[in-house]
Amino acid sequence: MNIEFPEFTCICPRTGLPDFATLKIEYIPDKKLIELKSLKYYFVTFRNVGIFHEYVINQILEELVAACKPRQLKVAGDFNVRGGIKTTITAEYKRTA
């Protein structure tokens, strides 16, 4: 299953300026699914949070794994240019047994 959220925002913890990104989630569910409306509201909670790109992607991965216990999950954040640098952060989870 693939989900894309092109309106993700958080705050740069150094400057206090907004960071914008497109989040992409790919996952193979097990017994639970990610409910899209709840996911949207979850993403909105980061709107006023000062957090680095790497941390926010890892936090989203960890919390989604804890919530729905998928077989596999990949979260990618394609962040807009900030300070002349564009970043894409990816974190993955794969159940081993």
C-alpha atoms as a PDB file:
ATOM      1  CA  MET A   1       0.000   0.000   0.000  1.00  0.00           C
ATOM      2  CA  ASN A   2       1.305   3.478  -0.864  1.00  0.00           C
ATOM      3  CA  ILE A   3       0.286   6.751   0.775  1.00  0.00           C
ATOM      4  CA  GLU A   4       1.514  10.236  -0.165  1.00  0.00           C
ATOM      5  CA  PHE A   5       1.048  13.388   1.905  1.00  0.00           C
ATOM      6  CA  PRO A   6       2.280  16.459  -0.039  1.00  0.00           C
ATOM      7  CA  GLU A   7       1.407  19.018   2.660  1.00  0.00           C
ATOM      8  CA  PHE A   8       3.642  18.012   5.582  1.00  0.00           C
ATOM      9  CA  THR A   9       5.096  20.845   7.646  1.00  0.00           C
ATOM     10  CA  CYS A  10       7.236  21.113  10.744  1.00  0.00           C
ATOM     11  CA  ILE A  11       9.495  23.816  12.171  1.00  0.00           C
ATOM     12  CA  CYS A  12      13.269  24.120  11.860  1.00  0.00           C
ATOM     13  CA  PRO A  13      14.534  23.914  15.452  1.00  0.00           C
ATOM     14  CA  ARG A  14      17.413  26.301  14.707  1.00  0.00           C
ATOM     15  CA  THR A  15      15.649  29.111  12.827  1.00  0.00           C
ATOM     16  CA  GLY A  16      12.007  28.643  13.788  1.00  0.00           C
ATOM     17  CA  LEU A  17      11.066  28.784  10.100  1.00  0.00           C
ATOM     18  CA  PRO A  18       8.695  26.245   8.555  1.00  0.00           C
ATOM     19  CA  ASP A  19       9.968  23.200   6.689  1.00  0.00           C
ATOM     20  CA  PHE A  20       7.795  21.722   3.955  1.00  0.00           C
ATOM     21  CA  ALA A  21       7.895  18.155   2.664  1.00  0.00           C
ATOM     22  CA  THR A  22       6.084  15.452   0.781  1.00  0.00           C
ATOM     23  CA  LEU A  23       5.843  12.316   2.899  1.00  0.00           C
ATOM     24  CA  LYS A  24       5.591   8.938   1.213  1.00  0.00           C
ATOM     25  CA  ILE A  25       4.643   5.789   3.071  1.00  0.00           C
ATOM     26  CA  GLU A  26       4.888   2.303   1.644  1.00  0.00           C
ATOM     27  CA  TYR A  27       3.788  -0.573   3.812  1.00  0.00           C
ATOM     28  CA  ILE A  28       2.691  -4.165   3.864  1.00  0.00           C
ATOM     29  CA  PRO A  29       0.022  -4.481   6.563  1.00  0.00           C
ATOM     30  CA  ASP A  30      -0.558  -7.417   8.825  1.00  0.00           C
ATOM     31  CA  LYS A  31      -3.770  -7.399  10.885  1.00  0.00           C
ATOM     32  CA  LYS A  32      -4.195  -3.615  11.169  1.00  0.00           C
ATOM     33  CA  LEU A  33      -4.435  -0.903   8.521  1.00  0.00           C
ATOM     34  CA  ILE A  34      -3.504   2.759   8.668  1.00  0.00           C
ATOM     35  CA  GLU A  35      -6.694   4.827   8.642  1.00  0.00           C
ATOM     36  CA  LEU A  36      -6.111   7.818   6.329  1.00  0.00           C
ATOM     37  CA  LYS A  37      -8.069  10.477   8.214  1.00  0.00           C
ATOM     38  CA  SER A  38      -6.285   9.615  11.454  1.00  0.00           C
ATOM     39  CA  LEU A  39      -2.947   9.675   9.627  1.00  0.00           C
ATOM     40  CA  LYS A  40      -3.697  13.153   8.281  1.00  0.00           C
ATOM     41  CA  TYR A  41      -4.500  14.454  11.770  1.00  0.00           C
ATOM     42  CA  TYR A  42      -1.354  12.781  13.114  1.00  0.00           C
ATOM     43  CA  PHE A  43       0.794  14.554  10.513  1.00  0.00           C
ATOM     44  CA  VAL A  44      -0.793  17.902  11.368  1.00  0.00           C
ATOM     45  CA  THR A  45       0.470  17.553  14.961  1.00  0.00           C
ATOM     46  CA  PHE A  46       3.999  18.227  13.671  1.00  0.00           C
ATOM     47  CA  ARG A  47       3.018  21.615  12.215  1.00  0.00           C
ATOM     48  CA  ASN A  48       4.321  23.591  15.207  1.00  0.00           C
ATOM     49  CA  VAL A  49       7.031  21.188  16.373  1.00  0.00           C
ATOM     50  CA  GLY A  50      10.692  22.171  16.133  1.00  0.00           C
ATOM     51  CA  ILE A  51      12.347  18.991  14.872  1.00  0.00           C
ATOM     52  CA  PHE A  52      15.158  17.985  12.530  1.00  0.00           C
ATOM     53  CA  HIS A  53      14.281  16.155   9.309  1.00  0.00           C
ATOM     54  CA  GLU A  54      15.975  12.900  10.343  1.00  0.00           C
ATOM     55  CA  TYR A  55      14.272  12.849  13.721  1.00  0.00           C
ATOM     56  CA  VAL A  56      10.774  13.476  12.396  1.00  0.00           C
ATOM     57  CA  ILE A  57      11.010  10.680   9.812  1.00  0.00           C
ATOM     58  CA  ASN A  58      12.353   8.231  12.403  1.00  0.00           C
ATOM     59  CA  GLN A  59       9.665   9.252  14.899  1.00  0.00           C
ATOM     60  CA  ILE A  60       6.912   8.735  12.333  1.00  0.00           C
ATOM     61  CA  LEU A  61       8.327   5.303  11.448  1.00  0.00           C
ATOM     62  CA  GLU A  62       8.546   4.219  15.100  1.00  0.00           C
ATOM     63  CA  GLU A  63       5.047   5.429  15.976  1.00  0.00           C
ATOM     64  CA  LEU A  64       3.405   3.870  12.911  1.00  0.00           C
ATOM     65  CA  VAL A  65       5.138   0.543  13.570  1.00  0.00           C
ATOM     66  CA  ALA A  66       3.936   0.645  17.180  1.00  0.00           C
ATOM     67  CA  ALA A  67       0.378   1.532  16.123  1.00  0.00           C
ATOM     68  CA  CYS A  68      -0.259  -0.967  13.334  1.00  0.00           C
ATOM     69  CA  LYS A  69       2.523  -3.577  13.573  1.00  0.00           C
ATOM     70  CA  PRO A  70       3.003  -3.982   9.797  1.00  0.00           C
ATOM     71  CA  ARG A  71       5.101  -6.599   8.075  1.00  0.00           C
ATOM     72  CA  GLN A  72       7.106  -3.843   6.366  1.00  0.00           C
ATOM     73  CA  LEU A  73       7.025  -0.057   6.477  1.00  0.00           C
ATOM     74  CA  LYS A  74       9.025   2.619   4.707  1.00  0.00           C
ATOM     75  CA  VAL A  75       8.693   6.355   5.387  1.00  0.00           C
ATOM     76  CA  ALA A  76      10.346   8.894   3.091  1.00  0.00           C
ATOM     77  CA  GLY A  77      10.347  12.640   3.544  1.00  0.00           C
ATOM     78  CA  ASP A  78      11.189  14.710   0.470  1.00  0.00           C
ATOM     79  CA  PHE A  79      11.916  18.098   2.048  1.00  0.00           C
ATOM     80  CA  ASN A  80      11.937  21.351   0.115  1.00  0.00           C
ATOM     81  CA  VAL A  81      15.152  23.314  -0.299  1.00  0.00           C
ATOM     82  CA  ARG A  82      16.331  25.101   2.856  1.00  0.00           C
ATOM     83  CA  GLY A  83      19.579  27.066   2.975  1.00  0.00           C
ATOM     84  CA  GLY A  84      20.435  25.861  -0.523  1.00  0.00           C
ATOM     85  CA  ILE A  85      20.243  22.173   0.470  1.00  0.00           C
ATOM     86  CA  LYS A  86      17.535  19.687  -0.470  1.00  0.00           C
ATOM     87  CA  THR A  87      17.143  16.556   1.647  1.00  0.00           C
ATOM     88  CA  THR A  88      15.307  13.291   1.262  1.00  0.00           C
ATOM     89  CA  ILE A  89      15.231  11.142   4.382  1.00  0.00           C
ATOM     90  CA  THR A  90      14.160   7.498   4.333  1.00  0.00           C
ATOM     91  CA  ALA A  91      13.626   5.082   7.224  1.00  0.00           C
ATOM     92  CA  GLU A  92      12.559   1.449   6.929  1.00  0.00           C
ATOM     93  CA  TYR A  93      11.237  -1.315   9.126  1.00  0.00           C
ATOM     94  CA  LYS A  94      10.996  -4.995   8.242  1.00  0.00           C
ATOM     95  CA  ARG A  95       9.697  -7.586  10.671  1.00  0.00           C
ATOM     96  CA  THR A  96      12.184 -10.429  10.982  1.00  0.00           C
ATOM     97  CA  ALA A  97       9.994 -13.270  12.187  1.00  0.00           C
END
